[in-house]
Amino acid sequence: MLALLATMSERPGHWRHWYELMKNIGVSSGTLYPFLMRMTEQGLLAAEWREPVQAGRPPRHDYRLTAAGISLARRVAESGFVSAAGMVRIS
């Protein structure tokens, strides 16, 4: 979850596609999806079906941090629990 939180906190207000997250974190979809679902259920992520970028493609299920997710990311970053390289400072 920390890797996902760190990746999402790089651009906390932006919608991110699961495939982009999977590639950035370096995990399989079978590992990522349970975290995305759990964090969404906990109110840390917002999930939304978005129109495809390219015509003829299916809608995308994208995610972004909620206010609670941003707050958690800040607390984790300030705690020193992860290295500075593993968690970016959130302004």
N, C-alpha and C. Protein backbone atom coordinates (compact mmCIF):
# COMPACT_ATOMS: atom_id res chain seq x y z
N MET A 1 0.82 -1.19 0.00
CA MET A 1 0.00 0.00 0.00
C MET A 1 0.87 1.25 0.00
N LEU A 2 2.03 1.21 0.64
CA LEU A 2 2.89 2.40 0.68
C LEU A 2 3.38 2.79 -0.71
N ALA A 3 3.72 1.80 -1.53
CA ALA A 3 4.17 2.11 -2.89
C ALA A 3 3.05 2.76 -3.69
N LEU A 4 1.83 2.26 -3.53
CA LEU A 4 0.68 2.85 -4.22
C LEU A 4 0.42 4.25 -3.70
N LEU A 5 0.47 4.43 -2.40
CA LEU A 5 0.26 5.75 -1.80
C LEU A 5 1.33 6.74 -2.27
N ALA A 6 2.57 6.29 -2.31
CA ALA A 6 3.66 7.15 -2.77
C ALA A 6 3.48 7.55 -4.23
N THR A 7 3.11 6.59 -5.07
CA THR A 7 2.90 6.88 -6.49
C THR A 7 1.73 7.83 -6.69
N MET A 8 0.64 7.59 -5.99
CA MET A 8 -0.53 8.46 -6.11
C MET A 8 -0.22 9.87 -5.59
N SER A 9 0.64 9.98 -4.59
CA SER A 9 0.93 11.29 -4.00
C SER A 9 1.83 12.15 -4.88
N GLU A 10 2.42 11.56 -5.92
CA GLU A 10 3.23 12.35 -6.85
C GLU A 10 2.37 13.40 -7.55
N ARG A 11 1.12 13.05 -7.82
CA ARG A 11 0.16 13.96 -8.45
C ARG A 11 -1.19 13.73 -7.78
N PRO A 12 -1.34 14.23 -6.55
CA PRO A 12 -2.51 13.86 -5.75
C PRO A 12 -3.86 14.26 -6.33
N GLY A 13 -3.94 15.29 -7.12
CA GLY A 13 -5.23 15.72 -7.66
C GLY A 13 -5.56 15.16 -9.02
N HIS A 14 -4.66 14.37 -9.59
CA HIS A 14 -4.85 13.87 -10.95
C HIS A 14 -5.39 12.44 -10.95
N TRP A 15 -6.24 12.17 -11.92
CA TRP A 15 -6.76 10.82 -12.12
C TRP A 15 -5.66 9.96 -12.73
N ARG A 16 -5.52 8.74 -12.23
CA ARG A 16 -4.49 7.83 -12.73
C ARG A 16 -5.16 6.52 -13.14
N HIS A 17 -4.77 5.98 -14.27
CA HIS A 17 -5.30 4.71 -14.75
C HIS A 17 -4.56 3.56 -14.06
N TRP A 18 -5.27 2.48 -13.82
CA TRP A 18 -4.68 1.35 -13.10
C TRP A 18 -3.44 0.81 -13.81
N TYR A 19 -3.43 0.83 -15.14
CA TYR A 19 -2.29 0.29 -15.89
C TYR A 19 -1.04 1.15 -15.65
N GLU A 20 -1.22 2.45 -15.64
CA GLU A 20 -0.11 3.37 -15.35
C GLU A 20 0.43 3.09 -13.95
N LEU A 21 -0.47 2.93 -12.98
CA LEU A 21 -0.05 2.64 -11.61
C LEU A 21 0.70 1.32 -11.53
N MET A 22 0.18 0.31 -12.21
CA MET A 22 0.81 -1.01 -12.21
C MET A 22 2.24 -0.93 -12.74
N LYS A 23 2.43 -0.21 -13.83
CA LYS A 23 3.76 -0.08 -14.42
C LYS A 23 4.70 0.72 -13.51
N ASN A 24 4.19 1.81 -12.92
CA ASN A 24 5.02 2.65 -12.05
C ASN A 24 5.46 1.91 -10.79
N ILE A 25 4.57 1.11 -10.23
CA ILE A 25 4.86 0.42 -8.98
C ILE A 25 5.63 -0.88 -9.24
N GLY A 26 5.36 -1.50 -10.39
CA GLY A 26 6.05 -2.73 -10.73
C GLY A 26 5.42 -3.97 -10.11
N VAL A 27 4.09 -3.97 -10.03
CA VAL A 27 3.36 -5.13 -9.51
C VAL A 27 2.38 -5.62 -10.56
N SER A 28 1.86 -6.81 -10.34
CA SER A 28 0.87 -7.37 -11.26
C SER A 28 -0.50 -6.77 -10.99
N SER A 29 -1.39 -6.91 -11.95
CA SER A 29 -2.76 -6.42 -11.76
C SER A 29 -3.44 -7.16 -10.61
N GLY A 30 -3.12 -8.44 -10.43
CA GLY A 30 -3.69 -9.22 -9.34
C GLY A 30 -3.26 -8.75 -7.97
N THR A 31 -2.12 -8.10 -7.90
CA THR A 31 -1.65 -7.51 -6.64
C THR A 31 -2.23 -6.11 -6.47
N LEU A 32 -2.28 -5.35 -7.54
CA LEU A 32 -2.72 -3.95 -7.47
C LEU A 32 -4.21 -3.81 -7.19
N TYR A 33 -5.04 -4.57 -7.90
CA TYR A 33 -6.50 -4.39 -7.78
C TYR A 33 -7.02 -4.50 -6.36
N PRO A 34 -6.59 -5.49 -5.57
CA PRO A 34 -7.10 -5.53 -4.19
C PRO A 34 -6.77 -4.27 -3.39
N PHE A 35 -5.57 -3.72 -3.61
CA PHE A 35 -5.22 -2.48 -2.92
C PHE A 35 -6.07 -1.31 -3.39
N LEU A 36 -6.30 -1.22 -4.71
CA LEU A 36 -7.15 -0.15 -5.22
C LEU A 36 -8.56 -0.25 -4.64
N MET A 37 -9.10 -1.45 -4.62
CA MET A 37 -10.46 -1.63 -4.08
C MET A 37 -10.50 -1.32 -2.59
N ARG A 38 -9.53 -1.82 -1.84
CA ARG A 38 -9.50 -1.60 -0.39
C ARG A 38 -9.34 -0.11 -0.07
N MET A 39 -8.43 0.56 -0.76
CA MET A 39 -8.21 1.98 -0.49
C MET A 39 -9.43 2.81 -0.90
N THR A 40 -10.14 2.38 -1.94
CA THR A 40 -11.37 3.07 -2.34
C THR A 40 -12.44 2.86 -1.28
N GLU A 41 -12.59 1.63 -0.80
CA GLU A 41 -13.58 1.34 0.25
C GLU A 41 -13.28 2.11 1.54
N GLN A 42 -12.00 2.34 1.82
CA GLN A 42 -11.60 3.06 3.03
C GLN A 42 -11.68 4.58 2.86
N GLY A 43 -12.03 5.03 1.66
CA GLY A 43 -12.16 6.46 1.41
C GLY A 43 -10.85 7.17 1.13
N LEU A 44 -9.79 6.42 0.84
CA LEU A 44 -8.49 7.02 0.55
C LEU A 44 -8.33 7.36 -0.93
N LEU A 45 -9.06 6.63 -1.77
CA LEU A 45 -9.05 6.87 -3.22
C LEU A 45 -10.46 7.10 -3.71
N ALA A 46 -10.59 7.93 -4.72
CA ALA A 46 -11.84 8.06 -5.47
C ALA A 46 -11.66 7.27 -6.75
N ALA A 47 -12.70 6.58 -7.18
CA ALA A 47 -12.66 5.81 -8.42
C ALA A 47 -13.76 6.33 -9.33
N GLU A 48 -13.45 6.41 -10.62
CA GLU A 48 -14.42 6.95 -11.57
C GLU A 48 -14.20 6.32 -12.94
N TRP A 49 -15.32 6.00 -13.60
CA TRP A 49 -15.25 5.57 -15.00
C TRP A 49 -15.11 6.83 -15.84
N ARG A 50 -14.09 6.86 -16.69
CA ARG A 50 -13.82 8.04 -17.50
C ARG A 50 -13.83 7.66 -18.98
N GLU A 51 -14.18 8.62 -19.79
CA GLU A 51 -14.23 8.39 -21.24
C GLU A 51 -12.83 8.05 -21.76
N PRO A 52 -12.76 7.17 -22.75
CA PRO A 52 -11.45 6.78 -23.28
C PRO A 52 -10.76 7.94 -23.99
N VAL A 53 -9.44 7.88 -23.98
CA VAL A 53 -8.64 8.90 -24.66
C VAL A 53 -8.74 8.71 -26.17
N GLN A 54 -8.73 7.45 -26.62
CA GLN A 54 -8.81 7.14 -28.05
C GLN A 54 -10.20 6.62 -28.39
N ALA A 55 -10.70 7.04 -29.55
CA ALA A 55 -12.00 6.56 -30.01
C ALA A 55 -11.96 5.04 -30.20
N GLY A 56 -13.06 4.40 -29.89
CA GLY A 56 -13.15 2.96 -30.05
C GLY A 56 -12.63 2.16 -28.88
N ARG A 57 -12.07 2.83 -27.87
CA ARG A 57 -11.57 2.14 -26.68
C ARG A 57 -12.65 2.15 -25.61
N PRO A 58 -12.63 1.20 -24.70
CA PRO A 58 -13.64 1.18 -23.63
C PRO A 58 -13.36 2.28 -22.60
N PRO A 59 -14.37 2.64 -21.80
CA PRO A 59 -14.14 3.60 -20.72
C PRO A 59 -13.04 3.09 -19.78
N ARG A 60 -12.38 4.03 -19.13
CA ARG A 60 -11.28 3.70 -18.22
C ARG A 60 -11.73 3.85 -16.77
N HIS A 61 -11.26 2.98 -15.91
CA HIS A 61 -11.51 3.10 -14.49
C HIS A 61 -10.27 3.76 -13.89
N ASP A 62 -10.39 5.02 -13.51
CA ASP A 62 -9.26 5.79 -13.01
C ASP A 62 -9.43 6.08 -11.53
N TYR A 63 -8.32 6.44 -10.89
CA TYR A 63 -8.28 6.66 -9.45
C TYR A 63 -7.52 7.93 -9.13
N ARG A 64 -7.88 8.56 -8.00
CA ARG A 64 -7.09 9.66 -7.47
C ARG A 64 -7.25 9.68 -5.96
N LEU A 65 -6.32 10.34 -5.29
CA LEU A 65 -6.39 10.44 -3.83
C LEU A 65 -7.54 11.35 -3.42
N THR A 66 -8.22 10.98 -2.37
CA THR A 66 -9.23 11.84 -1.76
C THR A 66 -8.51 12.73 -0.74
N ALA A 67 -9.25 13.62 -0.09
CA ALA A 67 -8.66 14.45 0.97
C ALA A 67 -8.09 13.56 2.07
N ALA A 68 -8.80 12.48 2.40
CA ALA A 68 -8.31 11.55 3.43
C ALA A 68 -7.03 10.85 2.96
N GLY A 69 -6.96 10.50 1.68
CA GLY A 69 -5.77 9.87 1.13
C GLY A 69 -4.58 10.81 1.12
N ILE A 70 -4.81 12.07 0.79
CA ILE A 70 -3.75 13.07 0.81
C ILE A 70 -3.25 13.27 2.23
N SER A 71 -4.18 13.33 3.18
CA SER A 71 -3.82 13.49 4.59
C SER A 71 -2.97 12.31 5.07
N LEU A 72 -3.37 11.09 4.72
CA LEU A 72 -2.59 9.91 5.10
C LEU A 72 -1.21 9.96 4.46
N ALA A 73 -1.13 10.32 3.19
CA ALA A 73 0.16 10.40 2.50
C ALA A 73 1.07 11.41 3.19
N ARG A 74 0.52 12.53 3.62
CA ARG A 74 1.32 13.54 4.34
C ARG A 74 1.84 12.98 5.65
N ARG A 75 0.96 12.31 6.39
CA ARG A 75 1.37 11.75 7.69
C ARG A 75 2.46 10.70 7.52
N VAL A 76 2.32 9.86 6.51
CA VAL A 76 3.33 8.83 6.26
C VAL A 76 4.65 9.48 5.87
N ALA A 77 4.60 10.48 5.01
CA ALA A 77 5.82 11.17 4.56
C ALA A 77 6.51 11.86 5.73
N GLU A 78 5.74 12.46 6.62
CA GLU A 78 6.31 13.19 7.76
C GLU A 78 6.78 12.26 8.87
N SER A 79 6.28 11.04 8.89
CA SER A 79 6.63 10.10 9.96
C SER A 79 8.05 9.56 9.83
N GLY A 80 8.60 9.65 8.63
CA GLY A 80 9.91 9.07 8.40
C GLY A 80 9.86 7.56 8.24
N PHE A 81 8.64 7.01 8.14
CA PHE A 81 8.47 5.56 8.01
C PHE A 81 9.06 5.04 6.71
N VAL A 82 9.02 5.86 5.68
CA VAL A 82 9.62 5.50 4.40
C VAL A 82 10.65 6.55 4.05
N SER A 83 11.61 6.18 3.23
CA SER A 83 12.66 7.11 2.83
C SER A 83 12.08 8.23 1.98
N ALA A 84 12.81 9.31 1.89
CA ALA A 84 12.38 10.45 1.08
C ALA A 84 12.20 10.03 -0.37
N ALA A 85 13.02 9.10 -0.84
CA ALA A 85 12.89 8.63 -2.23
C ALA A 85 11.61 7.83 -2.42
N GLY A 86 11.11 7.21 -1.36
CA GLY A 86 9.92 6.39 -1.47
C GLY A 86 8.63 7.16 -1.29
N MET A 87 8.72 8.37 -0.81
CA MET A 87 7.51 9.16 -0.57
C MET A 87 7.84 10.62 -0.86
N VAL A 88 7.10 11.23 -1.73
CA VAL A 88 7.37 12.62 -2.08
C VAL A 88 6.65 13.54 -1.11
N ARG A 89 7.15 14.73 -0.94
CA ARG A 89 6.49 15.71 -0.10
C ARG A 89 5.28 16.24 -0.84
N ILE A 90 4.18 16.34 -0.14
CA ILE A 90 2.93 16.79 -0.75
C ILE A 90 2.66 18.21 -0.29
N SER A 91 2.50 19.10 -1.25
CA SER A 91 2.24 20.50 -0.88
C SER A 91 0.77 20.78 -0.79
